[in-house]
PDB file of N, CA and C in Angstrom:
ATOM      1  N   MET A   1     130.584 156.214  81.972  1.00  0.00           N
ATOM      2  CA  MET A   1     130.221 156.156  83.342  1.00  0.00           C
ATOM      3  C   MET A   1     129.756 157.561  83.763  1.00  0.00           C
ATOM      4  N   LYS A   2     128.653 157.652  84.562  1.00  0.00           N
ATOM      5  CA  LYS A   2     128.093 158.901  84.962  1.00  0.00           C
ATOM      6  C   LYS A   2     128.365 159.265  86.418  1.00  0.00           C
ATOM      7  N   ILE A   3     128.458 160.563  86.623  1.00  0.00           N
ATOM      8  CA  ILE A   3     128.663 161.114  87.991  1.00  0.00           C
ATOM      9  C   ILE A   3     127.302 161.068  88.729  1.00  0.00           C
ATOM     10  N   ARG A   4     127.293 160.493  89.876  1.00  0.00           N
ATOM     11  CA  ARG A   4     126.085 160.589  90.733  1.00  0.00           C
ATOM     12  C   ARG A   4     126.089 161.886  91.532  1.00  0.00           C
ATOM     13  N   ASP A   5     127.249 162.283  92.071  1.00  0.00           N
ATOM     14  CA  ASP A   5     127.330 163.458  92.906  1.00  0.00           C
ATOM     15  C   ASP A   5     128.822 163.876  93.032  1.00  0.00           C
ATOM     16  N   ILE A   6     129.014 165.192  93.218  1.00  0.00           N
ATOM     17  CA  ILE A   6     130.302 165.807  93.589  1.00  0.00           C
ATOM     18  C   ILE A   6     130.084 166.486  94.870  1.00  0.00           C
ATOM     19  N   GLU A   7     130.821 166.067  95.902  1.00  0.00           N
ATOM     20  CA  GLU A   7     130.717 166.670  97.252  1.00  0.00           C
ATOM     21  C   GLU A   7     131.869 167.661  97.416  1.00  0.00           C
ATOM     22  N   PHE A   8     131.500 168.902  97.729  1.00  0.00           N
ATOM     23  CA  PHE A   8     132.432 170.042  97.894  1.00  0.00           C
ATOM     24  C   PHE A   8     132.689 170.181  99.415  1.00  0.00           C
ATOM     25  N   PRO A   9     133.864 170.773  99.762  1.00  0.00           N
ATOM     26  CA  PRO A   9     134.175 170.975 101.177  1.00  0.00           C
ATOM     27  C   PRO A   9     133.210 171.976 101.781  1.00  0.00           C
ATOM     28  N   ALA A  10     133.017 171.908 103.083  1.00  0.00           N
ATOM     29  CA  ALA A  10     132.075 172.796 103.780  1.00  0.00           C
ATOM     30  C   ALA A  10     132.487 174.254 103.666  1.00  0.00           C
ATOM     31  N   TYR A  11     133.798 174.487 103.525  1.00  0.00           N
ATOM     32  CA  TYR A  11     134.334 175.849 103.477  1.00  0.00           C
ATOM     33  C   TYR A  11     134.328 176.403 101.971  1.00  0.00           C
ATOM     34  N   PHE A  12     133.683 175.683 101.046  1.00  0.00           N
ATOM     35  CA  PHE A  12     133.745 176.091  99.640  1.00  0.00           C
ATOM     36  C   PHE A  12     133.411 177.529  99.391  1.00  0.00           C
ATOM     37  N   ASP A  13     132.445 178.109 100.055  1.00  0.00           N
ATOM     38  CA  ASP A  13     132.016 179.485  99.798  1.00  0.00           C
ATOM     39  C   ASP A  13     133.041 180.525 100.227  1.00  0.00           C
ATOM     40  N   THR A  14     134.045 180.090 101.045  1.00  0.00           N
ATOM     41  CA  THR A  14     135.009 181.118 101.538  1.00  0.00           C
ATOM     42  C   THR A  14     136.351 181.003 100.822  1.00  0.00           C
ATOM     43  N   ILE A  15     136.555 180.080  99.859  1.00  0.00           N
ATOM     44  CA  ILE A  15     137.856 179.959  99.204  1.00  0.00           C
ATOM     45  C   ILE A  15     138.056 181.092  98.175  1.00  0.00           C
ATOM     46  N   ASP A  16     139.255 181.340  97.833  1.00  0.00           N
ATOM     47  CA  ASP A  16     139.567 182.278  96.749  1.00  0.00           C
ATOM     48  C   ASP A  16     139.334 181.506  95.441  1.00  0.00           C
ATOM     49  N   LYS A  17     138.314 181.829  94.755  1.00  0.00           N
ATOM     50  CA  LYS A  17     137.937 181.043  93.552  1.00  0.00           C
ATOM     51  C   LYS A  17     138.944 181.154  92.416  1.00  0.00           C
ATOM     52  N   ASN A  18     139.814 182.178  92.436  1.00  0.00           N
ATOM     53  CA  ASN A  18     140.855 182.328  91.427  1.00  0.00           C
ATOM     54  C   ASN A  18     142.191 181.801  91.835  1.00  0.00           C
ATOM     55  N   ASN A  19     142.414 181.477  93.100  1.00  0.00           N
ATOM     56  CA  ASN A  19     143.711 181.025  93.563  1.00  0.00           C
ATOM     57  C   ASN A  19     143.610 180.172  94.775  1.00  0.00           C
ATOM     58  N   ASP A  20     143.306 178.919  94.461  1.00  0.00           N
ATOM     59  CA  ASP A  20     143.199 177.953  95.606  1.00  0.00           C
ATOM     60  C   ASP A  20     143.204 176.538  95.063  1.00  0.00           C
ATOM     61  N   ASN A  21     143.151 175.600  95.922  1.00  0.00           N
ATOM     62  CA  ASN A  21     142.914 174.192  95.538  1.00  0.00           C
ATOM     63  C   ASN A  21     142.111 173.508  96.574  1.00  0.00           C
ATOM     64  N   ILE A  22     141.272 172.577  96.176  1.00  0.00           N
ATOM     65  CA  ILE A  22     140.384 171.880  97.086  1.00  0.00           C
ATOM     66  C   ILE A  22     140.284 170.434  96.736  1.00  0.00           C
ATOM     67  N   ASP A  23     139.963 169.621  97.714  1.00  0.00           N
ATOM     68  CA  ASP A  23     139.603 168.213  97.474  1.00  0.00           C
ATOM     69  C   ASP A  23     138.079 168.130  97.199  1.00  0.00           C
ATOM     70  N   VAL A  24     137.693 167.408  96.229  1.00  0.00           N
ATOM     71  CA  VAL A  24     136.272 167.102  96.017  1.00  0.00           C
ATOM     72  C   VAL A  24     136.132 165.600  96.014  1.00  0.00           C
ATOM     73  N   PHE A  25     134.925 165.100  96.335  1.00  0.00           N
ATOM     74  CA  PHE A  25     134.621 163.720  96.367  1.00  0.00           C
ATOM     75  C   PHE A  25     133.627 163.402  95.284  1.00  0.00           C
ATOM     76  N   VAL A  26     134.061 162.650  94.273  1.00  0.00           N
ATOM     77  CA  VAL A  26     133.246 162.327  93.145  1.00  0.00           C
ATOM     78  C   VAL A  26     132.671 160.884  93.253  1.00  0.00           C
ATOM     79  N   THR A  27     131.338 160.889  93.442  1.00  0.00           N
ATOM     80  CA  THR A  27     130.684 159.528  93.548  1.00  0.00           C
ATOM     81  C   THR A  27     130.071 159.213  92.173  1.00  0.00           C
ATOM     82  N   MET A  28     130.454 158.012  91.701  1.00  0.00           N
ATOM     83  CA  MET A  28     130.038 157.568  90.374  1.00  0.00           C
ATOM     84  C   MET A  28     128.778 156.701  90.547  1.00  0.00           C
ATOM     85  N   GLU A  29     128.133 156.412  89.369  1.00  0.00           N
ATOM     86  CA  GLU A  29     126.899 155.614  89.430  1.00  0.00           C
ATOM     87  C   GLU A  29     127.050 154.255  89.948  1.00  0.00           C
ATOM     88  N   ASP A  30     128.338 153.699  89.945  1.00  0.00           N
ATOM     89  CA  ASP A  30     128.570 152.385  90.529  1.00  0.00           C
ATOM     90  C   ASP A  30     128.768 152.397  92.041  1.00  0.00           C
ATOM     91  N   GLY A  31     128.677 153.641  92.643  1.00  0.00           N
ATOM     92  CA  GLY A  31     128.848 153.802  94.068  1.00  0.00           C
ATOM     93  C   GLY A  31     130.267 154.075  94.569  1.00  0.00           C
ATOM     94  N   MET A  32     131.244 153.976  93.680  1.00  0.00           N
ATOM     95  CA  MET A  32     132.655 154.290  94.050  1.00  0.00           C
ATOM     96  C   MET A  32     132.844 155.775  94.161  1.00  0.00           C
ATOM     97  N   THR A  33     133.514 156.218  95.225  1.00  0.00           N
ATOM     98  CA  THR A  33     133.824 157.613  95.403  1.00  0.00           C
ATOM     99  C   THR A  33     135.319 157.819  95.242  1.00  0.00           C
ATOM    100  N   TYR A  34     135.641 158.832  94.415  1.00  0.00           N
ATOM    101  CA  TYR A  34     137.060 159.180  94.122  1.00  0.00           C
ATOM    102  C   TYR A  34     137.323 160.552  94.716  1.00  0.00           C
ATOM    103  N   THR A  35     138.500 160.680  95.352  1.00  0.00           N
ATOM    104  CA  THR A  35     138.960 161.924  95.804  1.00  0.00           C
ATOM    105  C   THR A  35     139.834 162.585  94.754  1.00  0.00           C
ATOM    106  N   MET A  36     139.503 163.814  94.372  1.00  0.00           N
ATOM    107  CA  MET A  36     140.230 164.530  93.355  1.00  0.00           C
ATOM    108  C   MET A  36     140.655 165.906  93.900  1.00  0.00           C
ATOM    109  N   VAL A  37     141.824 166.329  93.549  1.00  0.00           N
ATOM    110  CA  VAL A  37     142.300 167.685  93.874  1.00  0.00           C
ATOM    111  C   VAL A  37     142.009 168.556  92.652  1.00  0.00           C
ATOM    112  N   VAL A  38     141.346 169.676  92.911  1.00  0.00           N
ATOM    113  CA  VAL A  38     140.993 170.605  91.823  1.00  0.00           C
ATOM    114  C   VAL A  38     141.707 171.922  92.206  1.00  0.00           C
ATOM    115  N   THR A  39     142.383 172.530  91.237  1.00  0.00           N
ATOM    116  CA  THR A  39     143.202 173.722  91.492  1.00  0.00           C
ATOM    117  C   THR A  39     143.025 174.686  90.326  1.00  0.00           C
ATOM    118  N   THR A  40     143.552 175.891  90.582  1.00  0.00           N
ATOM    119  CA  THR A  40     143.598 176.924  89.533  1.00  0.00           C
ATOM    120  C   THR A  40     144.997 177.118  89.100  1.00  0.00           C
ATOM    121  N   PRO A  41     145.222 177.650  87.873  1.00  0.00           N
ATOM    122  CA  PRO A  41     146.603 177.960  87.421  1.00  0.00           C
ATOM    123  C   PRO A  41     147.276 178.910  88.353  1.00  0.00           C
ATOM    124  N   SER A  42     146.524 179.935  88.859  1.00  0.00           N
ATOM    125  CA  SER A  42     147.100 180.921  89.750  1.00  0.00           C
ATOM    126  C   SER A  42     147.666 180.266  91.022  1.00  0.00           C
ATOM    127  N   ASN A  43     147.034 179.168  91.463  1.00  0.00           N
ATOM    128  CA  ASN A  43     147.527 178.556  92.668  1.00  0.00           C
ATOM    129  C   ASN A  43     148.911 177.900  92.523  1.00  0.00           C
ATOM    130  N   TYR A  44     149.170 177.478  91.257  1.00  0.00           N
ATOM    131  CA  TYR A  44     150.513 176.985  90.954  1.00  0.00           C
ATOM    132  C   TYR A  44     151.516 178.096  91.050  1.00  0.00           C
ATOM    133  N   TYR A  45     151.237 179.296  90.531  1.00  0.00           N
ATOM    134  CA  TYR A  45     152.143 180.421  90.656  1.00  0.00           C
ATOM    135  C   TYR A  45     152.334 180.835  92.082  1.00  0.00           C
ATOM    136  N   TRP A  46     151.223 180.876  92.893  1.00  0.00           N
ATOM    137  CA  TRP A  46     151.323 181.243  94.253  1.00  0.00           C
ATOM    138  C   TRP A  46     152.221 180.237  94.997  1.00  0.00           C
ATOM    139  N   TYR A  47     152.080 178.964  94.721  1.00  0.00           N
ATOM    140  CA  TYR A  47     152.877 177.959  95.387  1.00  0.00           C
ATOM    141  C   TYR A  47     154.389 178.173  95.052  1.00  0.00           C
ATOM    142  N   MET A  48     154.695 178.359  93.760  1.00  0.00           N
ATOM    143  CA  MET A  48     156.108 178.579  93.366  1.00  0.00           C
ATOM    144  C   MET A  48     156.691 179.763  94.036  1.00  0.00           C
ATOM    145  N   ASP A  49     155.918 180.866  94.068  1.00  0.00           N
ATOM    146  CA  ASP A  49     156.367 182.092  94.761  1.00  0.00           C
ATOM    147  C   ASP A  49     156.623 181.788  96.297  1.00  0.00           C
ATOM    148  N   LYS A  50     155.650 181.126  96.905  1.00  0.00           N
ATOM    149  CA  LYS A  50     155.763 180.833  98.344  1.00  0.00           C
ATOM    150  C   LYS A  50     156.991 180.004  98.639  1.00  0.00           C
ATOM    151  N   GLU A  51     157.262 179.025  97.781  1.00  0.00           N
ATOM    152  CA  GLU A  51     158.370 178.095  98.018  1.00  0.00           C
ATOM    153  C   GLU A  51     159.730 178.567  97.400  1.00  0.00           C
ATOM    154  N   GLY A  52     159.703 179.690  96.677  1.00  0.00           N
ATOM    155  CA  GLY A  52     160.859 180.197  96.004  1.00  0.00           C
ATOM    156  C   GLY A  52     161.375 179.244  94.909  1.00  0.00           C
ATOM    157  N   LEU A  53     160.429 178.709  94.148  1.00  0.00           N
ATOM    158  CA  LEU A  53     160.750 177.793  93.086  1.00  0.00           C
ATOM    159  C   LEU A  53     160.287 178.301  91.763  1.00  0.00           C
ATOM    160  N   ASP A  54     160.884 177.767  90.671  1.00  0.00           N
ATOM    161  CA  ASP A  54     160.536 178.121  89.309  1.00  0.00           C
ATOM    162  C   ASP A  54     159.823 176.984  88.605  1.00  0.00           C
ATOM    163  N   TYR A  55     159.293 176.031  89.380  1.00  0.00           N
ATOM    164  CA  TYR A  55     158.685 174.826  88.852  1.00  0.00           C
ATOM    165  C   TYR A  55     157.779 174.234  89.950  1.00  0.00           C
ATOM    166  N   ILE A  56     156.872 173.371  89.551  1.00  0.00           N
ATOM    167  CA  ILE A  56     156.066 172.605  90.458  1.00  0.00           C
ATOM    168  C   ILE A  56     156.739 171.198  90.608  1.00  0.00           C
ATOM    169  N   PRO A  57     157.128 170.851  91.817  1.00  0.00           N
ATOM    170  CA  PRO A  57     157.694 169.532  92.019  1.00  0.00           C
ATOM    171  C   PRO A  57     156.806 168.396  91.599  1.00  0.00           C
ATOM    172  N   ALA A  58     157.366 167.232  91.243  1.00  0.00           N
ATOM    173  CA  ALA A  58     156.574 166.086  90.847  1.00  0.00           C
ATOM    174  C   ALA A  58     155.602 165.706  91.949  1.00  0.00           C
ATOM    175  N   SER A  59     154.408 165.435  91.531  1.00  0.00           N
ATOM    176  CA  SER A  59     153.305 164.998  92.454  1.00  0.00           C
ATOM    177  C   SER A  59     152.189 164.424  91.671  1.00  0.00           C
ATOM    178  N   PRO A  60     151.230 163.798  92.300  1.00  0.00           N
ATOM    179  CA  PRO A  60     150.033 163.312  91.588  1.00  0.00           C
ATOM    180  C   PRO A  60     149.374 164.448  90.853  1.00  0.00           C
ATOM    181  N   PRO A  61     148.743 164.163  89.736  1.00  0.00           N
ATOM    182  CA  PRO A  61     148.130 165.268  88.967  1.00  0.00           C
ATOM    183  C   PRO A  61     146.872 165.854  89.605  1.00  0.00           C
ATOM    184  N   ASP A  62     146.628 167.089  89.256  1.00  0.00           N
ATOM    185  CA  ASP A  62     145.424 167.848  89.684  1.00  0.00           C
ATOM    186  C   ASP A  62     144.471 168.048  88.546  1.00  0.00           C
ATOM    187  N   VAL A  63     143.227 168.232  88.871  1.00  0.00           N
ATOM    188  CA  VAL A  63     142.225 168.748  87.865  1.00  0.00           C
ATOM    189  C   VAL A  63     142.402 170.257  87.890  1.00  0.00           C
ATOM    190  N   ILE A  64     142.614 170.862  86.730  1.00  0.00           N
ATOM    191  CA  ILE A  64     142.836 172.307  86.667  1.00  0.00           C
ATOM    192  C   ILE A  64     141.683 173.034  86.010  1.00  0.00           C
ATOM    193  N   VAL A  65     141.181 174.038  86.697  1.00  0.00           N
ATOM    194  CA  VAL A  65     140.105 174.873  86.199  1.00  0.00           C
ATOM    195  C   VAL A  65     140.515 176.353  86.281  1.00  0.00           C
ATOM    196  N   ARG A  66     139.895 177.166  85.465  1.00  0.00           N
ATOM    197  CA  ARG A  66     140.300 178.635  85.444  1.00  0.00           C
ATOM    198  C   ARG A  66     139.866 179.255  86.765  1.00  0.00           C
ATOM    199  N   THR A  67     138.670 178.968  87.214  1.00  0.00           N
ATOM    200  CA  THR A  67     138.209 179.416  88.500  1.00  0.00           C
ATOM    201  C   THR A  67     137.441 178.310  89.196  1.00  0.00           C
ATOM    202  N   LEU A  68     137.523 178.299  90.496  1.00  0.00           N
ATOM    203  CA  LEU A  68     136.872 177.235  91.308  1.00  0.00           C
ATOM    204  C   LEU A  68     135.403 177.499  91.507  1.00  0.00           C
ATOM    205  N   THR A  69     134.641 177.285  90.458  1.00  0.00           N
ATOM    206  CA  THR A  69     133.192 177.380  90.570  1.00  0.00           C
ATOM    207  C   THR A  69     132.696 175.927  90.472  1.00  0.00           C
ATOM    208  N   LYS A  70     131.535 175.659  91.100  1.00  0.00           N
ATOM    209  CA  LYS A  70     130.939 174.309  90.975  1.00  0.00           C
ATOM    210  C   LYS A  70     130.667 173.907  89.535  1.00  0.00           C
ATOM    211  N   GLU A  71     130.219 174.859  88.723  1.00  0.00           N
ATOM    212  CA  GLU A  71     129.988 174.595  87.346  1.00  0.00           C
ATOM    213  C   GLU A  71     131.269 174.186  86.594  1.00  0.00           C
ATOM    214  N   ASN A  72     132.379 174.908  86.816  1.00  0.00           N
ATOM    215  CA  ASN A  72     133.597 174.618  86.144  1.00  0.00           C
ATOM    216  C   ASN A  72     134.121 173.227  86.585  1.00  0.00           C
ATOM    217  N   ILE A  73     134.011 172.976  87.903  1.00  0.00           N
ATOM    218  CA  ILE A  73     134.499 171.714  88.412  1.00  0.00           C
ATOM    219  C   ILE A  73     133.687 170.537  87.882  1.00  0.00           C
ATOM    220  N   TRP A  74     132.324 170.689  87.812  1.00  0.00           N
ATOM    221  CA  TRP A  74     131.514 169.634  87.217  1.00  0.00           C
ATOM    222  C   TRP A  74     131.933 169.394  85.727  1.00  0.00           C
ATOM    223  N   LYS A  75     132.071 170.527  84.953  1.00  0.00           N
ATOM    224  CA  LYS A  75     132.421 170.349  83.532  1.00  0.00           C
ATOM    225  C   LYS A  75     133.777 169.663  83.377  1.00  0.00           C
ATOM    226  N   ALA A  76     134.797 170.060  84.214  1.00  0.00           N
ATOM    227  CA  ALA A  76     136.048 169.468  84.090  1.00  0.00           C
ATOM    228  C   ALA A  76     136.023 167.940  84.407  1.00  0.00           C
ATOM    229  N   ILE A  77     135.393 167.612  85.514  1.00  0.00           N
ATOM    230  CA  ILE A  77     135.365 166.258  86.025  1.00  0.00           C
ATOM    231  C   ILE A  77     134.546 165.353  85.052  1.00  0.00           C
ATOM    232  N   GLU A  78     133.512 165.910  84.434  1.00  0.00           N
ATOM    233  CA  GLU A  78     132.745 165.126  83.431  1.00  0.00           C
ATOM    234  C   GLU A  78     133.656 164.654  82.323  1.00  0.00           C
ATOM    235  N   THR A  79     134.664 165.426  81.923  1.00  0.00           N
ATOM    236  CA  THR A  79     135.585 165.014  80.883  1.00  0.00           C
ATOM    237  C   THR A  79     136.454 163.865  81.359  1.00  0.00           C
ATOM    238  N   PHE A  80     136.672 163.786  82.650  1.00  0.00           N
ATOM    239  CA  PHE A  80     137.451 162.712  83.244  1.00  0.00           C
ATOM    240  C   PHE A  80     136.672 161.359  83.329  1.00  0.00           C
ATOM    241  N   THR A  81     135.354 161.475  83.123  1.00  0.00           N
ATOM    242  CA  THR A  81     134.551 160.250  83.241  1.00  0.00           C
ATOM    243  C   THR A  81     134.250 159.646  81.877  1.00  0.00           C
ATOM    244  N   GLU A  82     134.730 160.217  80.791  1.00  0.00           N
ATOM    245  CA  GLU A  82     134.496 159.671  79.520  1.00  0.00           C
ATOM    246  C   GLU A  82     135.295 158.390  79.392  1.00  0.00           C
ATOM    247  N   ASP A  83     134.971 157.489  78.465  1.00  0.00           N
ATOM    248  CA  ASP A  83     135.695 156.269  78.233  1.00  0.00           C
ATOM    249  C   ASP A  83     135.767 155.432  79.482  1.00  0.00           C
ATOM    250  N   ASN A  84     134.599 155.186  80.118  1.00  0.00           N
ATOM    251  CA  ASN A  84     134.531 154.394  81.296  1.00  0.00           C
ATOM    252  C   ASN A  84     135.368 155.004  82.433  1.00  0.00           C
ATOM    253  N   ALA A  85     135.440 156.271  82.496  1.00  0.00           N
ATOM    254  CA  ALA A  85     136.133 157.045  83.567  1.00  0.00           C
ATOM    255  C   ALA A  85     137.640 156.790  83.596  1.00  0.00           C
ATOM    256  N   TYR A  86     138.229 156.575  82.437  1.00  0.00           N
ATOM    257  CA  TYR A  86     139.640 156.219  82.390  1.00  0.00           C
ATOM    258  C   TYR A  86     140.498 157.207  83.096  1.00  0.00           C
ATOM    259  N   TRP A  87     140.336 158.539  82.806  1.00  0.00           N
ATOM    260  CA  TRP A  87     141.207 159.531  83.399  1.00  0.00           C
ATOM    261  C   TRP A  87     140.895 159.722  84.849  1.00  0.00           C
ATOM    262  N   LEU A  88     139.664 159.616  85.269  1.00  0.00           N
ATOM    263  CA  LEU A  88     139.293 159.717  86.696  1.00  0.00           C
ATOM    264  C   LEU A  88     140.018 158.671  87.473  1.00  0.00           C
ATOM    265  N   LYS A  89     139.973 157.454  86.995  1.00  0.00           N
ATOM    266  CA  LYS A  89     140.646 156.312  87.651  1.00  0.00           C
ATOM    267  C   LYS A  89     142.112 156.538  87.674  1.00  0.00           C
ATOM    268  N   LEU A  90     142.694 156.952  86.549  1.00  0.00           N
ATOM    269  CA  LEU A  90     144.177 157.139  86.465  1.00  0.00           C
ATOM    270  C   LEU A  90     144.640 158.205  87.479  1.00  0.00           C
ATOM    271  N   PHE A  91     143.966 159.338  87.495  1.00  0.00           N
ATOM    272  CA  PHE A  91     144.352 160.399  88.410  1.00  0.00           C
ATOM    273  C   PHE A  91     144.206 159.935  89.848  1.00  0.00           C
ATOM    274  N   PHE A  92     143.142 159.235  90.157  1.00  0.00           N
ATOM    275  CA  PHE A  92     142.888 158.736  91.493  1.00  0.00           C
ATOM    276  C   PHE A  92     143.967 157.769  91.951  1.00  0.00           C
ATOM    277  N   LEU A  93     144.286 156.795  91.067  1.00  0.00           N
ATOM    278  CA  LEU A  93     145.235 155.774  91.354  1.00  0.00           C
ATOM    279  C   LEU A  93     146.707 156.337  91.446  1.00  0.00           C
ATOM    280  N   SER A  94     146.959 157.385  90.715  1.00  0.00           N
ATOM    281  CA  SER A  94     148.302 157.942  90.714  1.00  0.00           C
ATOM    282  C   SER A  94     148.689 158.590  92.020  1.00  0.00           C
ATOM    283  N   GLY A  95     147.701 158.823  92.887  1.00  0.00           N
ATOM    284  CA  GLY A  95     148.048 159.383  94.191  1.00  0.00           C
ATOM    285  C   GLY A  95     148.676 158.412  95.147  1.00  0.00           C
ATOM    286  N   ASP A  96     148.820 157.167  94.774  1.00  0.00           N
ATOM    287  CA  ASP A  96     149.421 156.130  95.681  1.00  0.00           C
ATOM    288  C   ASP A  96     150.576 155.485  94.873  1.00  0.00           C
ATOM    289  N   LYS A  97     151.821 156.003  95.099  1.00  0.00           N
ATOM    290  CA  LYS A  97     152.924 155.510  94.273  1.00  0.00           C
ATOM    291  C   LYS A  97     153.293 154.055  94.585  1.00  0.00           C
ATOM    292  N   ASP A  98     152.723 153.439  95.608  1.00  0.00           N
ATOM    293  CA  ASP A  98     152.955 152.014  95.897  1.00  0.00           C
ATOM    294  C   ASP A  98     151.866 151.160  95.434  1.00  0.00           C
ATOM    295  N   GLY A  99     150.921 151.708  94.745  1.00  0.00           N
ATOM    296  CA  GLY A  99     149.763 150.919  94.321  1.00  0.00           C
ATOM    297  C   GLY A  99     149.864 150.377  92.891  1.00  0.00           C
ATOM    298  N   VAL A 100     148.968 150.847  92.017  1.00  0.00           N
ATOM    299  CA  VAL A 100     148.927 150.279  90.676  1.00  0.00           C
ATOM    300  C   VAL A 100     150.180 150.628  89.856  1.00  0.00           C
ATOM    301  N   PHE A 101     150.888 151.668  90.207  1.00  0.00           N
ATOM    302  CA  PHE A 101     152.056 152.128  89.498  1.00  0.00           C
ATOM    303  C   PHE A 101     153.343 151.602  90.192  1.00  0.00           C
ATOM    304  N   ASP A 102     153.446 150.298  90.403  1.00  0.00           N
ATOM    305  CA  ASP A 102     154.581 149.698  91.050  1.00  0.00           C
ATOM    306  C   ASP A 102     155.825 149.993  90.172  1.00  0.00           C
ATOM    307  N   GLN A 103     156.846 150.479  90.827  1.00  0.00           N
ATOM    308  CA  GLN A 103     158.076 150.934  90.155  1.00  0.00           C
ATOM    309  C   GLN A 103     158.694 149.744  89.303  1.00  0.00           C
ATOM    310  N   ASN A 104     158.671 148.551  89.785  1.00  0.00           N
ATOM    311  CA  ASN A 104     159.278 147.393  89.093  1.00  0.00           C
ATOM    312  C   ASN A 104     158.484 147.058  87.829  1.00  0.00           C
ATOM    313  N   ILE A 105     157.126 147.209  87.883  1.00  0.00           N
ATOM    314  CA  ILE A 105     156.341 146.963  86.748  1.00  0.00           C
ATOM    315  C   ILE A 105     156.535 148.051  85.698  1.00  0.00           C
ATOM    316  N   MET A 106     156.642 149.295  86.158  1.00  0.00           N
ATOM    317  CA  MET A 106     156.887 150.383  85.239  1.00  0.00           C
ATOM    318  C   MET A 106     158.276 150.255  84.539  1.00  0.00           C
ATOM    319  N   ASP A 107     159.273 149.852  85.342  1.00  0.00           N
ATOM    320  CA  ASP A 107     160.647 149.630  84.793  1.00  0.00           C
ATOM    321  C   ASP A 107     160.577 148.562  83.688  1.00  0.00           C
ATOM    322  N   GLU A 108     159.817 147.524  83.938  1.00  0.00           N
ATOM    323  CA  GLU A 108     159.725 146.418  82.935  1.00  0.00           C
ATOM    324  C   GLU A 108     159.010 146.883  81.704  1.00  0.00           C
ATOM    325  N   MET A 109     157.959 147.683  81.879  1.00  0.00           N
ATOM    326  CA  MET A 109     157.241 148.160  80.678  1.00  0.00           C
ATOM    327  C   MET A 109     158.169 149.107  79.862  1.00  0.00           C
ATOM    328  N   ILE A 110     158.962 149.948  80.547  1.00  0.00           N
ATOM    329  CA  ILE A 110     159.859 150.849  79.822  1.00  0.00           C
ATOM    330  C   ILE A 110     160.961 150.018  79.086  1.00  0.00           C
ATOM    331  N   LYS A 111     161.412 149.004  79.767  1.00  0.00           N
ATOM    332  CA  LYS A 111     162.418 148.120  79.212  1.00  0.00           C
ATOM    333  C   LYS A 111     161.879 147.519  77.876  1.00  0.00           C
ATOM    334  N   GLN A 112     160.620 147.040  77.917  1.00  0.00           N
ATOM    335  CA  GLN A 112     160.041 146.430  76.732  1.00  0.00           C
ATOM    336  C   GLN A 112     159.881 147.439  75.612  1.00  0.00           C
ATOM    337  N   ILE A 113     159.447 148.630  75.883  1.00  0.00           N
ATOM    338  CA  ILE A 113     159.290 149.686  74.902  1.00  0.00           C
ATOM    339  C   ILE A 113     160.644 150.041  74.313  1.00  0.00           C
ATOM    340  N   LYS A 114     161.680 150.135  75.178  1.00  0.00           N
ATOM    341  CA  LYS A 114     163.012 150.438  74.633  1.00  0.00           C
ATOM    342  C   LYS A 114     163.499 149.329  73.745  1.00  0.00           C
ATOM    343  N   LYS A 115     163.213 148.115  74.063  1.00  0.00           N
ATOM    344  CA  LYS A 115     163.584 146.986  73.245  1.00  0.00           C
ATOM    345  C   LYS A 115     162.963 147.088  71.845  1.00  0.00           C
ATOM    346  N   VAL A 116     161.652 147.345  71.792  1.00  0.00           N
ATOM    347  CA  VAL A 116     160.943 147.514  70.509  1.00  0.00           C
ATOM    348  C   VAL A 116     161.551 148.705  69.773  1.00  0.00           C
ATOM    349  N   ASN A 117     161.765 149.835  70.411  1.00  0.00           N
ATOM    350  CA  ASN A 117     162.345 150.991  69.742  1.00  0.00           C
ATOM    351  C   ASN A 117     163.732 150.697  69.188  1.00  0.00           C
ATOM    352  N   ASP A 118     164.520 149.959  69.954  1.00  0.00           N
ATOM    353  CA  ASP A 118     165.870 149.595  69.448  1.00  0.00           C
ATOM    354  C   ASP A 118     165.791 148.681  68.262  1.00  0.00           C
ATOM    355  N   GLU A 119     164.847 147.743  68.268  1.00  0.00           N
ATOM    356  CA  GLU A 119     164.674 146.846  67.107  1.00  0.00           C
ATOM    357  C   GLU A 119     164.262 147.623  65.912  1.00  0.00           C
ATOM    358  N   ILE A 120     163.420 148.553  66.056  1.00  0.00           N
ATOM    359  CA  ILE A 120     162.971 149.411  64.871  1.00  0.00           C
ATOM    360  C   ILE A 120     164.131 150.244  64.354  1.00  0.00           C
ATOM    361  N   GLU A 121     164.895 150.780  65.286  1.00  0.00           N
ATOM    362  CA  GLU A 121     166.031 151.608  64.908  1.00  0.00           C
ATOM    363  C   GLU A 121     167.096 150.849  64.199  1.00  0.00           C
ATOM    364  N   ASN A 122     167.303 149.541  64.536  1.00  0.00           N
ATOM    365  CA  ASN A 122     168.317 148.732  63.921  1.00  0.00           C
ATOM    366  C   ASN A 122     167.872 147.972  62.653  1.00  0.00           C
ATOM    367  N   MET A 123     166.665 148.281  62.153  1.00  0.00           N
ATOM    368  CA  MET A 123     166.172 147.620  60.963  1.00  0.00           C
ATOM    369  C   MET A 123     166.902 148.112  59.707  1.00  0.00           C
TER     370      MET A 123
END
C-alpha cells in the first residue's frame, strides 16, 4: 500500500527536531487517514526526567526517528506501509484499548497459546 500524503502540524518548523513528538496524519492510496505519533529517543529521556521515572509507562507505540525531519518521518512511515500496511494499521489500532484488542479476546488467545505450549512441554 502506498502513502498518498503525510500532513505535518502547522507548528512543525518551530519544534525541537532532536527532542519532541508530533502527531502526523498519514493518508493512504485507499483514502484512509491514520494518525501516528512520531517521536525522538531524546524525547523519551526528557519525559522520564520530567516525570522522575526510570522507564516509559505502557502506552500505544510511537514511530521513533533520530530527528524530526520530514525526510526521516517519510522514510520511517514507509516501512510501516509494507505488507499491506500491517504495522501502520497495528500501531493505529493499538491506540484504542477497547477496540480491536479486546481484553477478553487477548486472554483467550494467550490461553490457547499456553495450552499448546503445555502440550509440547508434556510430550
